[in-house]
């Protein structure tokens, strides 16, 4: 019968695996900076979403009116306008 080796248990192992209760100044500073950057990213994302919405929405009525004008305009006017481009 083979016996398994016995490992020492004690203060040495628990000291190595136990998390420290106190954070270092560097860790605290890094966590604060990460939180600040995440907040700035959220502000940027909100701004871009609002800007995209504001730019996209006025174009819908303008394009609808243009389609209406093109549909109702005589063919000669449409040809004259398209030939200028």
Foldseek 3Di string as FASTA:
>chain_A
DDDDDDDDDDDVVCVVPPDDPDDDPVVVVVVVVVVVVVVVVVVVVVVVVVVVVVVPVVVVVVVVVVVVCVVPPDPVVVVVVVVVD
